[in-house]
């Protein structure tokens, strides 16, 4: 039996949460979402990847935020940063995340192959 890969999305905007969830489910992931990365069930899920919005929880991509996620979920947990503005790509890269996706663009059906390549490529690197 093949088990689905698990993703936790950290997103505080309901509309974006729906778009990101649908995109990830379309490419075969089991998706759990929360507005904060420290959630009671998150640690029990043993996720394969974490996707985090730029302005969630600590409000900016920073090394402390990424460090806390890696401490909580394991040093090798793949982290994909997300933002509605491409300028955040550099900010996320500077704090040690593994990949970046632009929302909602990268999560829409027309970009499904890109989404698959980025998410599964990131998971398989760990």
PDB file of N, CA and C in Angstrom:
ATOM      1  N   UNK A   1       0.832  -1.181   0.000  1.00  0.00           N
ATOM      2  CA  UNK A   1       0.000   0.000   0.000  1.00  0.00           C
ATOM      3  C   UNK A   1       0.880   1.251   0.000  1.00  0.00           C
ATOM      4  N   UNK A   2       0.638   2.136  -0.923  1.00  0.00           N
ATOM      5  CA  UNK A   2       1.382   3.381  -1.007  1.00  0.00           C
ATOM      6  C   UNK A   2       0.674   4.428  -0.152  1.00  0.00           C
ATOM      7  N   UNK A   3       1.434   5.060   0.726  1.00  0.00           N
ATOM      8  CA  UNK A   3       0.825   6.106   1.540  1.00  0.00           C
ATOM      9  C   UNK A   3       1.085   7.454   0.899  1.00  0.00           C
ATOM     10  N   UNK A   4       0.113   8.323   1.024  1.00  0.00           N
ATOM     11  CA  UNK A   4       0.256   9.672   0.486  1.00  0.00           C
ATOM     12  C   UNK A   4       1.285  10.438   1.298  1.00  0.00           C
ATOM     13  N   UNK A   5       1.975  11.327   0.627  1.00  0.00           N
ATOM     14  CA  UNK A   5       2.867  12.244   1.323  1.00  0.00           C
ATOM     15  C   UNK A   5       2.004  13.252   2.065  1.00  0.00           C
ATOM     16  N   UNK A   6       2.480  13.694   3.224  1.00  0.00           N
ATOM     17  CA  UNK A   6       1.722  14.625   4.065  1.00  0.00           C
ATOM     18  C   UNK A   6       2.353  16.008   4.053  1.00  0.00           C
ATOM     19  N   UNK A   7       1.486  16.992   3.913  1.00  0.00           N
ATOM     20  CA  UNK A   7       1.936  18.384   3.938  1.00  0.00           C
ATOM     21  C   UNK A   7       1.160  19.142   5.002  1.00  0.00           C
ATOM     22  N   UNK A   8       1.877  19.978   5.717  1.00  0.00           N
ATOM     23  CA  UNK A   8       1.220  20.939   6.604  1.00  0.00           C
ATOM     24  C   UNK A   8       1.381  22.295   5.949  1.00  0.00           C
ATOM     25  N   UNK A   9       0.275  23.009   5.786  1.00  0.00           N
ATOM     26  CA  UNK A   9       0.370  24.379   5.296  1.00  0.00           C
ATOM     27  C   UNK A   9       0.072  25.322   6.446  1.00  0.00           C
ATOM     28  N   UNK A  10       0.896  26.338   6.534  1.00  0.00           N
ATOM     29  CA  UNK A  10       0.743  27.360   7.562  1.00  0.00           C
ATOM     30  C   UNK A  10       0.286  28.620   6.842  1.00  0.00           C
ATOM     31  N   UNK A  11      -0.976  28.891   6.970  1.00  0.00           N
ATOM     32  CA  UNK A  11      -1.598  29.977   6.208  1.00  0.00           C
ATOM     33  C   UNK A  11      -2.734  30.573   7.031  1.00  0.00           C
ATOM     34  N   UNK A  12      -2.763  31.887   7.146  1.00  0.00           N
ATOM     35  CA  UNK A  12      -3.798  32.517   7.956  1.00  0.00           C
ATOM     36  C   UNK A  12      -4.928  33.155   7.148  1.00  0.00           C
ATOM     37  N   UNK A  13      -4.826  33.159   5.841  1.00  0.00           N
ATOM     38  CA  UNK A  13      -5.874  33.714   4.991  1.00  0.00           C
ATOM     39  C   UNK A  13      -6.706  32.563   4.445  1.00  0.00           C
ATOM     40  N   UNK A  14      -7.985  32.558   4.737  1.00  0.00           N
ATOM     41  CA  UNK A  14      -8.857  31.440   4.382  1.00  0.00           C
ATOM     42  C   UNK A  14      -8.885  31.171   2.874  1.00  0.00           C
ATOM     43  N   UNK A  15      -9.006  32.220   2.060  1.00  0.00           N
ATOM     44  CA  UNK A  15      -9.039  32.023   0.604  1.00  0.00           C
ATOM     45  C   UNK A  15      -7.766  31.360   0.095  1.00  0.00           C
ATOM     46  N   UNK A  16      -6.611  31.837   0.572  1.00  0.00           N
ATOM     47  CA  UNK A  16      -5.345  31.239   0.150  1.00  0.00           C
ATOM     48  C   UNK A  16      -5.216  29.813   0.667  1.00  0.00           C
ATOM     49  N   UNK A  17      -5.696  29.567   1.874  1.00  0.00           N
ATOM     50  CA  UNK A  17      -5.648  28.212   2.436  1.00  0.00           C
ATOM     51  C   UNK A  17      -6.402  27.234   1.530  1.00  0.00           C
ATOM     52  N   UNK A  18      -7.564  27.649   1.030  1.00  0.00           N
ATOM     53  CA  UNK A  18      -8.366  26.798   0.141  1.00  0.00           C
ATOM     54  C   UNK A  18      -7.627  26.546  -1.168  1.00  0.00           C
ATOM     55  N   UNK A  19      -7.063  27.588  -1.769  1.00  0.00           N
ATOM     56  CA  UNK A  19      -6.356  27.454  -3.046  1.00  0.00           C
ATOM     57  C   UNK A  19      -5.132  26.555  -2.904  1.00  0.00           C
ATOM     58  N   UNK A  20      -4.339  26.780  -1.871  1.00  0.00           N
ATOM     59  CA  UNK A  20      -3.131  25.980  -1.648  1.00  0.00           C
ATOM     60  C   UNK A  20      -3.513  24.522  -1.368  1.00  0.00           C
ATOM     61  N   UNK A  21      -4.511  24.318  -0.521  1.00  0.00           N
ATOM     62  CA  UNK A  21      -4.948  22.960  -0.188  1.00  0.00           C
ATOM     63  C   UNK A  21      -5.412  22.224  -1.441  1.00  0.00           C
ATOM     64  N   UNK A  22      -6.255  22.857  -2.230  1.00  0.00           N
ATOM     65  CA  UNK A  22      -6.748  22.210  -3.454  1.00  0.00           C
ATOM     66  C   UNK A  22      -5.611  21.865  -4.410  1.00  0.00           C
ATOM     67  N   UNK A  23      -4.676  22.787  -4.572  1.00  0.00           N
ATOM     68  CA  UNK A  23      -3.534  22.528  -5.456  1.00  0.00           C
ATOM     69  C   UNK A  23      -2.719  21.334  -4.991  1.00  0.00           C
ATOM     70  N   UNK A  24      -2.447  21.260  -3.698  1.00  0.00           N
ATOM     71  CA  UNK A  24      -1.645  20.163  -3.164  1.00  0.00           C
ATOM     72  C   UNK A  24      -2.402  18.836  -3.202  1.00  0.00           C
ATOM     73  N   UNK A  25      -3.690  18.877  -2.940  1.00  0.00           N
ATOM     74  CA  UNK A  25      -4.490  17.649  -3.026  1.00  0.00           C
ATOM     75  C   UNK A  25      -4.553  17.137  -4.464  1.00  0.00           C
ATOM     76  N   UNK A  26      -4.623  18.045  -5.434  1.00  0.00           N
ATOM     77  CA  UNK A  26      -4.658  17.645  -6.837  1.00  0.00           C
ATOM     78  C   UNK A  26      -3.403  16.880  -7.255  1.00  0.00           C
ATOM     79  N   UNK A  27      -2.287  17.196  -6.620  1.00  0.00           N
ATOM     80  CA  UNK A  27      -1.053  16.496  -6.983  1.00  0.00           C
ATOM     81  C   UNK A  27      -0.779  15.313  -6.053  1.00  0.00           C
ATOM     82  N   UNK A  28      -1.770  14.946  -5.238  1.00  0.00           N
ATOM     83  CA  UNK A  28      -1.689  13.707  -4.481  1.00  0.00           C
ATOM     84  C   UNK A  28      -1.232  13.792  -3.041  1.00  0.00           C
ATOM     85  N   UNK A  29      -1.148  14.973  -2.464  1.00  0.00           N
ATOM     86  CA  UNK A  29      -0.725  15.080  -1.082  1.00  0.00           C
ATOM     87  C   UNK A  29      -1.926  15.064  -0.136  1.00  0.00           C
ATOM     88  N   UNK A  30      -1.699  14.564   1.055  1.00  0.00           N
ATOM     89  CA  UNK A  30      -2.663  14.678   2.139  1.00  0.00           C
ATOM     90  C   UNK A  30      -2.309  15.979   2.850  1.00  0.00           C
ATOM     91  N   UNK A  31      -3.273  16.892   2.966  1.00  0.00           N
ATOM     92  CA  UNK A  31      -2.981  18.250   3.423  1.00  0.00           C
ATOM     93  C   UNK A  31      -3.668  18.548   4.746  1.00  0.00           C
ATOM     94  N   UNK A  32      -2.898  19.126   5.644  1.00  0.00           N
ATOM     95  CA  UNK A  32      -3.412  19.620   6.915  1.00  0.00           C
ATOM     96  C   UNK A  32      -3.016  21.083   6.999  1.00  0.00           C
ATOM     97  N   UNK A  33      -3.906  21.896   7.479  1.00  0.00           N
ATOM     98  CA  UNK A  33      -3.570  23.317   7.532  1.00  0.00           C
ATOM     99  C   UNK A  33      -3.814  23.889   8.919  1.00  0.00           C
ATOM    100  N   UNK A  34      -3.083  24.936   9.178  1.00  0.00           N
ATOM    101  CA  UNK A  34      -3.219  25.639  10.450  1.00  0.00           C
ATOM    102  C   UNK A  34      -2.739  27.062  10.244  1.00  0.00           C
ATOM    103  N   UNK A  35      -3.155  27.941  11.126  1.00  0.00           N
ATOM    104  CA  UNK A  35      -2.723  29.340  11.021  1.00  0.00           C
ATOM    105  C   UNK A  35      -1.373  29.573  11.692  1.00  0.00           C
ATOM    106  N   UNK A  36      -0.862  28.561  12.382  1.00  0.00           N
ATOM    107  CA  UNK A  36       0.385  28.688  13.136  1.00  0.00           C
ATOM    108  C   UNK A  36       1.141  27.371  13.030  1.00  0.00           C
ATOM    109  N   UNK A  37       2.459  27.427  12.967  1.00  0.00           N
ATOM    110  CA  UNK A  37       3.212  26.186  12.786  1.00  0.00           C
ATOM    111  C   UNK A  37       3.277  25.346  14.053  1.00  0.00           C
ATOM    112  N   UNK A  38       3.015  25.929  15.191  1.00  0.00           N
ATOM    113  CA  UNK A  38       2.995  25.158  16.429  1.00  0.00           C
ATOM    114  C   UNK A  38       1.538  24.844  16.725  1.00  0.00           C
ATOM    115  N   UNK A  39       1.089  23.715  16.217  1.00  0.00           N
ATOM    116  CA  UNK A  39      -0.290  23.303  16.412  1.00  0.00           C
ATOM    117  C   UNK A  39      -0.295  21.933  17.077  1.00  0.00           C
ATOM    118  N   UNK A  40      -1.302  21.640  17.869  1.00  0.00           N
ATOM    119  CA  UNK A  40      -1.278  20.413  18.655  1.00  0.00           C
ATOM    120  C   UNK A  40      -1.157  19.138  17.826  1.00  0.00           C
ATOM    121  N   UNK A  41      -1.809  19.065  16.678  1.00  0.00           N
ATOM    122  CA  UNK A  41      -1.766  17.833  15.908  1.00  0.00           C
ATOM    123  C   UNK A  41      -0.595  17.776  14.937  1.00  0.00           C
ATOM    124  N   UNK A  42       0.040  18.888  14.661  1.00  0.00           N
ATOM    125  CA  UNK A  42       1.104  18.930  13.661  1.00  0.00           C
ATOM    126  C   UNK A  42       2.254  17.996  13.938  1.00  0.00           C
ATOM    127  N   UNK A  43       2.645  17.910  15.190  1.00  0.00           N
ATOM    128  CA  UNK A  43       3.788  17.068  15.538  1.00  0.00           C
ATOM    129  C   UNK A  43       3.464  15.587  15.391  1.00  0.00           C
ATOM    130  N   UNK A  44       2.198  15.231  15.549  1.00  0.00           N
ATOM    131  CA  UNK A  44       1.787  13.833  15.444  1.00  0.00           C
ATOM    132  C   UNK A  44       1.669  13.364  14.000  1.00  0.00           C
ATOM    133  N   UNK A  45       1.547  14.299  13.077  1.00  0.00           N
ATOM    134  CA  UNK A  45       1.321  13.953  11.679  1.00  0.00           C
ATOM    135  C   UNK A  45       2.561  13.458  10.961  1.00  0.00           C
ATOM    136  N   UNK A  46       3.710  13.789  11.494  1.00  0.00           N
ATOM    137  CA  UNK A  46       4.958  13.434  10.837  1.00  0.00           C
ATOM    138  C   UNK A  46       4.922  13.857   9.367  1.00  0.00           C
ATOM    139  N   UNK A  47       4.824  15.165   9.109  1.00  0.00           N
ATOM    140  CA  UNK A  47       4.686  15.638   7.724  1.00  0.00           C
ATOM    141  C   UNK A  47       5.944  15.387   6.909  1.00  0.00           C
ATOM    142  N   UNK A  48       5.729  15.312   5.591  1.00  0.00           N
ATOM    143  CA  UNK A  48       6.851  15.167   4.659  1.00  0.00           C
ATOM    144  C   UNK A  48       7.362  16.513   4.192  1.00  0.00           C
ATOM    145  N   UNK A  49       6.527  17.542   4.316  1.00  0.00           N
ATOM    146  CA  UNK A  49       6.891  18.887   3.882  1.00  0.00           C
ATOM    147  C   UNK A  49       6.011  19.901   4.623  1.00  0.00           C
ATOM    148  N   UNK A  50       6.575  21.075   4.846  1.00  0.00           N
ATOM    149  CA  UNK A  50       5.823  22.181   5.443  1.00  0.00           C
ATOM    150  C   UNK A  50       5.863  23.339   4.461  1.00  0.00           C
ATOM    151  N   UNK A  51       4.696  23.911   4.185  1.00  0.00           N
ATOM    152  CA  UNK A  51       4.600  25.095   3.337  1.00  0.00           C
ATOM    153  C   UNK A  51       4.126  26.232   4.218  1.00  0.00           C
ATOM    154  N   UNK A  52       4.845  27.341   4.217  1.00  0.00           N
ATOM    155  CA  UNK A  52       4.509  28.446   5.102  1.00  0.00           C
ATOM    156  C   UNK A  52       4.371  29.755   4.345  1.00  0.00           C
ATOM    157  N   UNK A  53       3.316  30.466   4.669  1.00  0.00           N
ATOM    158  CA  UNK A  53       3.109  31.796   4.127  1.00  0.00           C
ATOM    159  C   UNK A  53       4.136  32.759   4.726  1.00  0.00           C
ATOM    160  N   UNK A  54       4.447  33.804   4.000  1.00  0.00           N
ATOM    161  CA  UNK A  54       5.416  34.796   4.452  1.00  0.00           C
ATOM    162  C   UNK A  54       4.980  35.515   5.723  1.00  0.00           C
ATOM    163  N   UNK A  55       3.738  35.904   5.794  1.00  0.00           N
ATOM    164  CA  UNK A  55       3.291  36.752   6.905  1.00  0.00           C
ATOM    165  C   UNK A  55       2.553  36.006   7.998  1.00  0.00           C
ATOM    166  N   UNK A  56       2.811  34.740   8.150  1.00  0.00           N
ATOM    167  CA  UNK A  56       2.147  33.958   9.175  1.00  0.00           C
ATOM    168  C   UNK A  56       3.011  33.855  10.415  1.00  0.00           C
ATOM    169  N   UNK A  57       2.390  33.904  11.539  1.00  0.00           N
ATOM    170  CA  UNK A  57       2.963  33.692  12.857  1.00  0.00           C
ATOM    171  C   UNK A  57       4.021  34.725  13.251  1.00  0.00           C
ATOM    172  N   UNK A  58       5.251  34.534  12.912  1.00  0.00           N
ATOM    173  CA  UNK A  58       6.277  35.495  13.323  1.00  0.00           C
ATOM    174  C   UNK A  58       6.380  36.674  12.362  1.00  0.00           C
ATOM    175  N   UNK A  59       5.503  36.692  11.371  1.00  0.00           N
ATOM    176  CA  UNK A  59       5.276  37.835  10.488  1.00  0.00           C
ATOM    177  C   UNK A  59       6.320  38.097   9.421  1.00  0.00           C
ATOM    178  N   UNK A  60       7.446  37.428   9.430  1.00  0.00           N
ATOM    179  CA  UNK A  60       8.434  37.634   8.379  1.00  0.00           C
ATOM    180  C   UNK A  60       9.290  36.379   8.269  1.00  0.00           C
ATOM    181  N   UNK A  61       9.756  36.071   7.078  1.00  0.00           N
ATOM    182  CA  UNK A  61      10.715  34.965   6.992  1.00  0.00           C
ATOM    183  C   UNK A  61      11.971  35.370   7.742  1.00  0.00           C
ATOM    184  N   UNK A  62      12.352  34.600   8.721  1.00  0.00           N
ATOM    185  CA  UNK A  62      13.579  34.905   9.449  1.00  0.00           C
ATOM    186  C   UNK A  62      14.208  33.601   9.937  1.00  0.00           C
ATOM    187  N   UNK A  63      15.498  33.646  10.231  1.00  0.00           N
ATOM    188  CA  UNK A  63      16.196  32.413  10.636  1.00  0.00           C
ATOM    189  C   UNK A  63      15.600  31.787  11.888  1.00  0.00           C
ATOM    190  N   UNK A  64      15.117  32.600  12.824  1.00  0.00           N
ATOM    191  CA  UNK A  64      14.536  32.045  14.047  1.00  0.00           C
ATOM    192  C   UNK A  64      13.308  31.205  13.729  1.00  0.00           C
ATOM    193  N   UNK A  65      12.459  31.711  12.854  1.00  0.00           N
ATOM    194  CA  UNK A  65      11.237  31.009  12.458  1.00  0.00           C
ATOM    195  C   UNK A  65      11.574  29.670  11.813  1.00  0.00           C
ATOM    196  N   UNK A  66      12.482  29.698  10.848  1.00  0.00           N
ATOM    197  CA  UNK A  66      12.889  28.460  10.176  1.00  0.00           C
ATOM    198  C   UNK A  66      13.550  27.515  11.175  1.00  0.00           C
ATOM    199  N   UNK A  67      14.372  28.052  12.066  1.00  0.00           N
ATOM    200  CA  UNK A  67      15.031  27.230  13.086  1.00  0.00           C
ATOM    201  C   UNK A  67      14.046  26.561  14.030  1.00  0.00           C
ATOM    202  N   UNK A  68      12.992  27.287  14.414  1.00  0.00           N
ATOM    203  CA  UNK A  68      11.981  26.723  15.301  1.00  0.00           C
ATOM    204  C   UNK A  68      11.229  25.599  14.595  1.00  0.00           C
ATOM    205  N   UNK A  69      10.893  25.804  13.339  1.00  0.00           N
ATOM    206  CA  UNK A  69      10.207  24.744  12.585  1.00  0.00           C
ATOM    207  C   UNK A  69      11.105  23.508  12.507  1.00  0.00           C
ATOM    208  N   UNK A  70      12.365  23.703  12.168  1.00  0.00           N
ATOM    209  CA  UNK A  70      13.279  22.557  12.039  1.00  0.00           C
ATOM    210  C   UNK A  70      13.517  21.881  13.396  1.00  0.00           C
ATOM    211  N   UNK A  71      13.554  22.651  14.466  1.00  0.00           N
ATOM    212  CA  UNK A  71      13.708  22.066  15.798  1.00  0.00           C
ATOM    213  C   UNK A  71      12.474  21.239  16.166  1.00  0.00           C
ATOM    214  N   UNK A  72      11.302  21.761  15.827  1.00  0.00           N
ATOM    215  CA  UNK A  72      10.058  21.076  16.177  1.00  0.00           C
ATOM    216  C   UNK A  72       9.824  19.834  15.333  1.00  0.00           C
ATOM    217  N   UNK A  73      10.099  19.902  14.036  1.00  0.00           N
ATOM    218  CA  UNK A  73       9.746  18.821  13.119  1.00  0.00           C
ATOM    219  C   UNK A  73      10.943  18.003  12.645  1.00  0.00           C
ATOM    220  N   UNK A  74      12.128  18.383  13.040  1.00  0.00           N
ATOM    221  CA  UNK A  74      13.321  17.653  12.608  1.00  0.00           C
ATOM    222  C   UNK A  74      14.154  18.509  11.675  1.00  0.00           C
ATOM    223  N   UNK A  75      15.444  18.392  11.807  1.00  0.00           N
ATOM    224  CA  UNK A  75      16.362  19.251  11.052  1.00  0.00           C
ATOM    225  C   UNK A  75      16.231  19.108   9.550  1.00  0.00           C
ATOM    226  N   UNK A  76      15.780  17.949   9.094  1.00  0.00           N
ATOM    227  CA  UNK A  76      15.710  17.694   7.658  1.00  0.00           C
ATOM    228  C   UNK A  76      14.341  17.952   7.038  1.00  0.00           C
ATOM    229  N   UNK A  77      13.397  18.487   7.814  1.00  0.00           N
ATOM    230  CA  UNK A  77      12.062  18.716   7.263  1.00  0.00           C
ATOM    231  C   UNK A  77      12.145  19.721   6.110  1.00  0.00           C
ATOM    232  N   UNK A  78      11.638  19.368   4.945  1.00  0.00           N
ATOM    233  CA  UNK A  78      11.642  20.326   3.836  1.00  0.00           C
ATOM    234  C   UNK A  78      10.640  21.453   4.114  1.00  0.00           C
ATOM    235  N   UNK A  79      11.076  22.672   3.861  1.00  0.00           N
ATOM    236  CA  UNK A  79      10.214  23.838   4.065  1.00  0.00           C
ATOM    237  C   UNK A  79      10.112  24.606   2.755  1.00  0.00           C
ATOM    238  N   UNK A  80       8.880  24.865   2.347  1.00  0.00           N
ATOM    239  CA  UNK A  80       8.630  25.657   1.152  1.00  0.00           C
ATOM    240  C   UNK A  80       7.943  26.944   1.589  1.00  0.00           C
ATOM    241  N   UNK A  81       8.563  28.071   1.269  1.00  0.00           N
ATOM    242  CA  UNK A  81       7.961  29.361   1.574  1.00  0.00           C
ATOM    243  C   UNK A  81       6.971  29.741   0.491  1.00  0.00           C
ATOM    244  N   UNK A  82       5.937  30.468   0.892  1.00  0.00           N
ATOM    245  CA  UNK A  82       4.922  30.913  -0.070  1.00  0.00           C
ATOM    246  C   UNK A  82       4.650  32.394   0.158  1.00  0.00           C
ATOM    247  N   UNK A  83       4.323  33.071  -0.926  1.00  0.00           N
ATOM    248  CA  UNK A  83       3.924  34.470  -0.828  1.00  0.00           C
ATOM    249  C   UNK A  83       3.163  34.855  -2.085  1.00  0.00           C
ATOM    250  N   UNK A  84       2.374  35.901  -1.973  1.00  0.00           N
ATOM    251  CA  UNK A  84       1.659  36.428  -3.132  1.00  0.00           C
ATOM    252  C   UNK A  84       2.535  37.402  -3.919  1.00  0.00           C
ATOM    253  N   UNK A  85       3.690  37.744  -3.371  1.00  0.00           N
ATOM    254  CA  UNK A  85       4.594  38.672  -4.061  1.00  0.00           C
ATOM    255  C   UNK A  85       5.946  38.008  -4.279  1.00  0.00           C
ATOM    256  N   UNK A  86       6.441  38.102  -5.497  1.00  0.00           N
ATOM    257  CA  UNK A  86       7.680  37.440  -5.870  1.00  0.00           C
ATOM    258  C   UNK A  86       8.889  37.981  -5.117  1.00  0.00           C
ATOM    259  N   UNK A  87       8.797  39.217  -4.640  1.00  0.00           N
ATOM    260  CA  UNK A  87       9.901  39.833  -3.901  1.00  0.00           C
ATOM    261  C   UNK A  87      10.250  39.018  -2.647  1.00  0.00           C
ATOM    262  N   UNK A  88       9.289  38.274  -2.130  1.00  0.00           N
ATOM    263  CA  UNK A  88       9.536  37.455  -0.938  1.00  0.00           C
ATOM    264  C   UNK A  88      10.445  36.271  -1.215  1.00  0.00           C
ATOM    265  N   UNK A  89      10.598  35.908  -2.466  1.00  0.00           N
ATOM    266  CA  UNK A  89      11.457  34.770  -2.840  1.00  0.00           C
ATOM    267  C   UNK A  89      12.864  34.948  -2.259  1.00  0.00           C
ATOM    268  N   UNK A  90      13.436  36.118  -2.421  1.00  0.00           N
ATOM    269  CA  UNK A  90      14.793  36.380  -1.906  1.00  0.00           C
ATOM    270  C   UNK A  90      14.825  36.352  -0.388  1.00  0.00           C
ATOM    271  N   UNK A  91      13.797  36.921   0.245  1.00  0.00           N
ATOM    272  CA  UNK A  91      13.755  36.921   1.711  1.00  0.00           C
ATOM    273  C   UNK A  91      13.686  35.500   2.250  1.00  0.00           C
ATOM    274  N   UNK A  92      12.851  34.659   1.621  1.00  0.00           N
ATOM    275  CA  UNK A  92      12.769  33.266   2.067  1.00  0.00           C
ATOM    276  C   UNK A  92      14.101  32.554   1.834  1.00  0.00           C
ATOM    277  N   UNK A  93      14.695  32.730   0.674  1.00  0.00           N
ATOM    278  CA  UNK A  93      15.957  32.054   0.351  1.00  0.00           C
ATOM    279  C   UNK A  93      17.049  32.427   1.344  1.00  0.00           C
ATOM    280  N   UNK A  94      17.036  33.659   1.803  1.00  0.00           N
ATOM    281  CA  UNK A  94      18.084  34.128   2.712  1.00  0.00           C
ATOM    282  C   UNK A  94      17.995  33.517   4.110  1.00  0.00           C
ATOM    283  N   UNK A  95      16.869  32.881   4.440  1.00  0.00           N
ATOM    284  CA  UNK A  95      16.733  32.301   5.780  1.00  0.00           C
ATOM    285  C   UNK A  95      16.768  30.778   5.780  1.00  0.00           C
ATOM    286  N   UNK A  96      17.079  30.177   4.640  1.00  0.00           N
ATOM    287  CA  UNK A  96      17.355  28.753   4.617  1.00  0.00           C
ATOM    288  C   UNK A  96      16.199  27.823   4.306  1.00  0.00           C
ATOM    289  N   UNK A  97      15.156  28.329   3.646  1.00  0.00           N
ATOM    290  CA  UNK A  97      14.113  27.405   3.237  1.00  0.00           C
ATOM    291  C   UNK A  97      14.574  26.662   1.988  1.00  0.00           C
ATOM    292  N   UNK A  98      13.851  25.609   1.641  1.00  0.00           N
ATOM    293  CA  UNK A  98      14.280  24.760   0.538  1.00  0.00           C
ATOM    294  C   UNK A  98      13.775  25.215  -0.825  1.00  0.00           C
ATOM    295  N   UNK A  99      12.575  25.786  -0.867  1.00  0.00           N
ATOM    296  CA  UNK A  99      11.978  26.212  -2.125  1.00  0.00           C
ATOM    297  C   UNK A  99      11.004  27.350  -1.856  1.00  0.00           C
ATOM    298  N   UNK A 100      10.476  27.917  -2.940  1.00  0.00           N
ATOM    299  CA  UNK A 100       9.512  29.012  -2.845  1.00  0.00           C
ATOM    300  C   UNK A 100       8.438  28.805  -3.900  1.00  0.00           C
ATOM    301  N   UNK A 101       7.189  29.082  -3.531  1.00  0.00           N
ATOM    302  CA  UNK A 101       6.076  29.042  -4.482  1.00  0.00           C
ATOM    303  C   UNK A 101       5.292  30.343  -4.391  1.00  0.00           C
ATOM    304  N   UNK A 102       4.880  30.820  -5.535  1.00  0.00           N
ATOM    305  CA  UNK A 102       4.102  32.045  -5.622  1.00  0.00           C
ATOM    306  C   UNK A 102       2.623  31.677  -5.590  1.00  0.00           C
ATOM    307  N   UNK A 103       1.900  32.271  -4.654  1.00  0.00           N
ATOM    308  CA  UNK A 103       0.475  31.959  -4.584  1.00  0.00           C
ATOM    309  C   UNK A 103      -0.343  33.138  -5.064  1.00  0.00           C
ATOM    310  N   UNK A 104      -1.459  32.929  -5.673  1.00  0.00           N
ATOM    311  CA  UNK A 104      -2.047  31.627  -5.974  1.00  0.00           C
ATOM    312  C   UNK A 104      -1.513  30.998  -7.260  1.00  0.00           C
ATOM    313  N   UNK A 105      -0.729  31.712  -8.042  1.00  0.00           N
ATOM    314  CA  UNK A 105      -0.318  31.282  -9.385  1.00  0.00           C
ATOM    315  C   UNK A 105       0.200  29.852  -9.439  1.00  0.00           C
ATOM    316  N   UNK A 106       1.153  29.501  -8.593  1.00  0.00           N
ATOM    317  CA  UNK A 106       1.772  28.175  -8.657  1.00  0.00           C
ATOM    318  C   UNK A 106       0.847  27.051  -8.188  1.00  0.00           C
ATOM    319  N   UNK A 107      -0.285  27.395  -7.598  1.00  0.00           N
ATOM    320  CA  UNK A 107      -1.208  26.386  -7.072  1.00  0.00           C
ATOM    321  C   UNK A 107      -2.415  26.157  -7.971  1.00  0.00           C
ATOM    322  N   UNK A 108      -2.519  26.897  -9.052  1.00  0.00           N
ATOM    323  CA  UNK A 108      -3.647  26.762  -9.958  1.00  0.00           C
ATOM    324  C   UNK A 108      -3.416  25.605 -10.926  1.00  0.00           C
ATOM    325  N   UNK A 109      -4.480  25.070 -11.464  1.00  0.00           N
ATOM    326  CA  UNK A 109      -4.403  23.883 -12.327  1.00  0.00           C
ATOM    327  C   UNK A 109      -3.421  24.062 -13.482  1.00  0.00           C
ATOM    328  N   UNK A 110      -3.349  25.237 -14.061  1.00  0.00           N
ATOM    329  CA  UNK A 110      -2.465  25.440 -15.207  1.00  0.00           C
ATOM    330  C   UNK A 110      -0.985  25.313 -14.835  1.00  0.00           C
ATOM    331  N   UNK A 111      -0.685  25.360 -13.559  1.00  0.00           N
ATOM    332  CA  UNK A 111       0.707  25.243 -13.105  1.00  0.00           C
ATOM    333  C   UNK A 111       0.959  23.945 -12.352  1.00  0.00           C
ATOM    334  N   UNK A 112       0.093  22.959 -12.554  1.00  0.00           N
ATOM    335  CA  UNK A 112       0.155  21.716 -11.802  1.00  0.00           C
ATOM    336  C   UNK A 112       1.501  21.005 -11.932  1.00  0.00           C
ATOM    337  N   UNK A 113       2.086  20.986 -13.117  1.00  0.00           N
ATOM    338  CA  UNK A 113       3.388  20.317 -13.301  1.00  0.00           C
ATOM    339  C   UNK A 113       4.487  21.029 -12.518  1.00  0.00           C
ATOM    340  N   UNK A 114       4.443  22.350 -12.513  1.00  0.00           N
ATOM    341  CA  UNK A 114       5.422  23.117 -11.724  1.00  0.00           C
ATOM    342  C   UNK A 114       5.265  22.790 -10.245  1.00  0.00           C
ATOM    343  N   UNK A 115       4.031  22.773  -9.782  1.00  0.00           N
ATOM    344  CA  UNK A 115       3.761  22.481  -8.376  1.00  0.00           C
ATOM    345  C   UNK A 115       4.276  21.083  -8.015  1.00  0.00           C
ATOM    346  N   UNK A 116       3.987  20.106  -8.846  1.00  0.00           N
ATOM    347  CA  UNK A 116       4.470  18.742  -8.607  1.00  0.00           C
ATOM    348  C   UNK A 116       5.992  18.702  -8.533  1.00  0.00           C
ATOM    349  N   UNK A 117       6.624  19.328  -9.509  1.00  0.00           N
ATOM    350  CA  UNK A 117       8.095  19.305  -9.579  1.00  0.00           C
ATOM    351  C   UNK A 117       8.711  19.928  -8.328  1.00  0.00           C
ATOM    352  N   UNK A 118       8.196  21.080  -7.914  1.00  0.00           N
ATOM    353  CA  UNK A 118       8.769  21.779  -6.757  1.00  0.00           C
ATOM    354  C   UNK A 118       8.510  21.003  -5.472  1.00  0.00           C
ATOM    355  N   UNK A 119       7.263  20.600  -5.243  1.00  0.00           N
ATOM    356  CA  UNK A 119       6.924  19.950  -3.976  1.00  0.00           C
ATOM    357  C   UNK A 119       7.584  18.580  -3.857  1.00  0.00           C
ATOM    358  N   UNK A 120       7.405  17.719  -4.849  1.00  0.00           N
ATOM    359  CA  UNK A 120       7.994  16.382  -4.754  1.00  0.00           C
ATOM    360  C   UNK A 120       9.519  16.420  -4.857  1.00  0.00           C
ATOM    361  N   UNK A 121      10.041  17.345  -5.634  1.00  0.00           N
ATOM    362  CA  UNK A 121      11.490  17.512  -5.698  1.00  0.00           C
ATOM    363  C   UNK A 121      12.064  17.907  -4.351  1.00  0.00           C
ATOM    364  N   UNK A 122      11.366  18.773  -3.643  1.00  0.00           N
ATOM    365  CA  UNK A 122      11.804  19.211  -2.322  1.00  0.00           C
ATOM    366  C   UNK A 122      11.695  18.073  -1.310  1.00  0.00           C
ATOM    367  N   UNK A 123      10.599  17.340  -1.342  1.00  0.00           N
ATOM    368  CA  UNK A 123      10.428  16.206  -0.431  1.00  0.00           C
ATOM    369  C   UNK A 123      11.511  15.157  -0.683  1.00  0.00           C
ATOM    370  N   UNK A 124      11.767  14.840  -1.916  1.00  0.00           N
ATOM    371  CA  UNK A 124      12.728  13.780  -2.247  1.00  0.00           C
ATOM    372  C   UNK A 124      14.175  14.154  -1.967  1.00  0.00           C
ATOM    373  N   UNK A 125      14.464  15.436  -1.838  1.00  0.00           N
ATOM    374  CA  UNK A 125      15.828  15.870  -1.507  1.00  0.00           C
ATOM    375  C   UNK A 125      16.184  15.571  -0.069  1.00  0.00           C
ATOM    376  N   UNK A 126      15.183  15.516   0.800  1.00  0.00           N
ATOM    377  CA  UNK A 126      15.481  15.352   2.233  1.00  0.00           C
ATOM    378  C   UNK A 126      15.829  13.930   2.585  1.00  0.00           C
TER     379      UNK A 126
END
